[in-house]
Protein backbone atom coordinates (compact mmCIF):
# COMPACT_ATOMS: atom_id res chain seq x y z
CA ALA A 1 -13.04 5.71 -17.78
CA ASP A 2 -10.23 7.97 -19.12
CA ASP A 3 -11.24 11.04 -17.41
CA VAL A 4 -10.92 9.53 -14.05
CA LYS A 5 -7.96 11.38 -12.32
CA TYR A 6 -7.26 9.03 -9.46
CA ARG A 7 -7.80 5.21 -9.16
CA MET A 8 -7.17 3.35 -6.03
CA VAL A 9 -7.25 -0.46 -5.20
CA ILE A 10 -7.98 -1.25 -1.55
CA ALA A 11 -6.92 -4.64 -0.40
CA HIS A 12 -6.51 -6.00 3.11
CA HIS A 13 -3.52 -7.84 2.19
CA PRO A 14 -0.91 -5.99 0.23
CA LEU A 15 -0.38 -8.72 -2.45
CA THR A 16 2.48 -7.25 -4.43
CA VAL A 17 4.74 -7.12 -1.25
CA LYS A 18 7.27 -9.88 -0.62
CA GLN A 19 6.27 -11.96 2.35
CA ARG A 20 8.58 -14.06 4.44
CA ALA A 21 7.85 -17.82 5.01
CA PRO A 22 5.72 -19.17 5.72
CA PHE A 23 3.39 -16.35 4.53
CA ASP A 24 4.98 -16.43 1.12
CA ILE A 25 1.87 -18.25 -0.36
CA GLU A 26 -0.15 -17.79 -3.42
CA GLU A 27 2.80 -16.23 -5.26
CA GLU A 28 1.82 -17.25 -8.64
CA LEU A 29 -1.92 -16.06 -8.28
CA TYR A 30 -0.94 -12.64 -6.55
CA GLY A 31 1.43 -12.27 -9.44
CA GLU A 32 -1.46 -12.80 -11.91
CA TRP A 33 -3.69 -10.26 -10.01
CA ALA A 34 -0.86 -7.66 -9.93
CA SER A 35 -0.58 -7.84 -13.75
CA LEU A 36 -4.26 -7.61 -14.25
CA ILE A 37 -4.64 -4.70 -11.65
CA ALA A 38 -1.92 -2.97 -13.52
CA LYS A 39 -3.21 -3.39 -17.00
CA ASN A 40 -6.99 -3.04 -16.33
CA ILE A 41 -7.33 -0.59 -13.43
CA ARG A 42 -3.93 1.52 -13.80
CA PRO A 43 -4.25 2.59 -10.12
CA THR A 44 -2.51 5.62 -8.73
CA LEU A 45 -1.88 3.44 -5.66
CA MET A 46 -3.17 0.46 -3.68
CA LEU A 47 -4.00 1.09 0.04
CA SER A 48 -3.52 -2.17 2.19
CA GLY A 49 -3.17 -3.10 5.93
CA HIS A 50 -2.27 -6.55 7.37
CA MET A 51 1.23 -6.32 7.73
CA HIS A 52 1.32 -4.46 11.26
CA TYR A 53 3.94 -1.86 9.91
CA LEU A 54 3.89 1.46 7.96
CA ASP A 55 5.53 1.72 4.42
CA ILE A 56 5.17 2.90 1.10
CA VAL A 57 6.32 0.43 -1.29
CA ARG A 58 7.34 2.07 -4.70
CA PRO A 59 7.91 0.07 -8.00
CA GLU A 60 11.20 -1.56 -8.14
CA ASN A 61 11.55 -1.56 -4.27
CA GLU A 62 13.29 -4.44 -2.74
CA LYS A 63 9.82 -5.52 -1.34
CA ASP A 64 8.20 -5.23 -4.79
CA LEU A 65 7.65 -8.88 -5.64
CA TYR A 66 6.16 -8.61 -9.05
CA GLY A 67 7.22 -5.41 -10.84
CA GLN A 68 4.31 -3.52 -9.93
CA GLN A 69 3.52 -0.48 -11.68
CA PHE A 70 2.12 1.61 -8.75
CA PRO A 71 2.99 2.43 -5.18
CA VAL A 72 1.55 0.14 -2.39
CA VAL A 73 0.79 2.04 0.83
CA VAL A 74 0.81 -0.28 3.88
CA GLY A 75 -0.88 1.47 6.85
CA SER A 76 -1.44 -0.87 9.79
CA ALA A 77 1.15 -0.60 12.47
CA ILE A 78 -0.01 -2.31 15.73
CA LYS A 79 2.40 -2.90 18.58
CA ALA A 80 2.61 -3.59 22.21
CA ASN A 81 -0.42 -5.90 22.50
CA HIS A 82 -2.71 -3.44 20.65
CA GLU A 83 -1.68 -0.77 23.08
CA TYR A 84 -0.17 1.46 20.00
CA TYR A 85 -1.41 1.65 16.47
CA ALA A 86 -1.12 3.79 13.67
CA GLY A 87 -2.73 3.91 10.14
CA ALA A 88 -2.51 5.82 6.75
CA GLY A 89 -4.59 8.75 5.63
CA LEU A 90 -4.58 9.85 1.79
CA MET A 91 -5.06 13.38 0.61
CA PHE A 92 -5.71 14.10 -3.21
CA ASP A 93 -5.30 17.23 -4.81
CA GLU A 94 -4.68 18.53 -8.44
CA ALA A 95 -0.83 18.45 -8.02
CA ASP A 96 -0.09 15.72 -5.55
CA THR A 97 -1.24 12.63 -3.62
CA VAL A 98 -0.01 12.83 0.04
CA VAL A 99 0.17 9.93 2.29
CA THR A 100 0.26 10.71 6.18
CA PHE A 101 0.76 7.99 8.75
CA THR A 102 -0.77 9.00 12.18
CA ASP A 103 -0.53 7.08 15.31
CA CYS A 104 -3.21 6.74 18.12
CA LEU A 105 -1.53 9.48 19.94
CA GLY A 106 -2.71 11.92 17.25
CA GLU A 107 1.17 12.31 16.12
CA THR A 108 2.35 12.48 12.36
CA VAL A 109 4.62 9.56 12.19
CA ARG A 110 5.62 10.27 8.51
CA GLU A 111 4.37 12.29 5.43
CA GLU A 112 5.34 11.81 1.91
CA LYS A 113 4.17 12.77 -1.55
CA LEU A 114 3.67 9.85 -3.89
């Protein structure tokens, strides 16, 4: 619908983010999915985990494997045998989308507007 203000894709694996071997699998398929998502959904962002780090991968970033047309928020830091973890929170308002990475200690690790 054209009147939808925010569109979000949620995927466990950030399929548009470049992976190192041996995890660089299904690149052709992921590239096709990334194109379909950009064309048909036109998301404000993609929210993912899986990578065990926190990041915002914007279009044309060196980690952007397929020329994605939307930012990918990776929110899944896990360290020290699962004794430390952090995730991503999203806030949408009329002007901005704000990503806040918060850890298990209740500390804000990073906050950024998209």
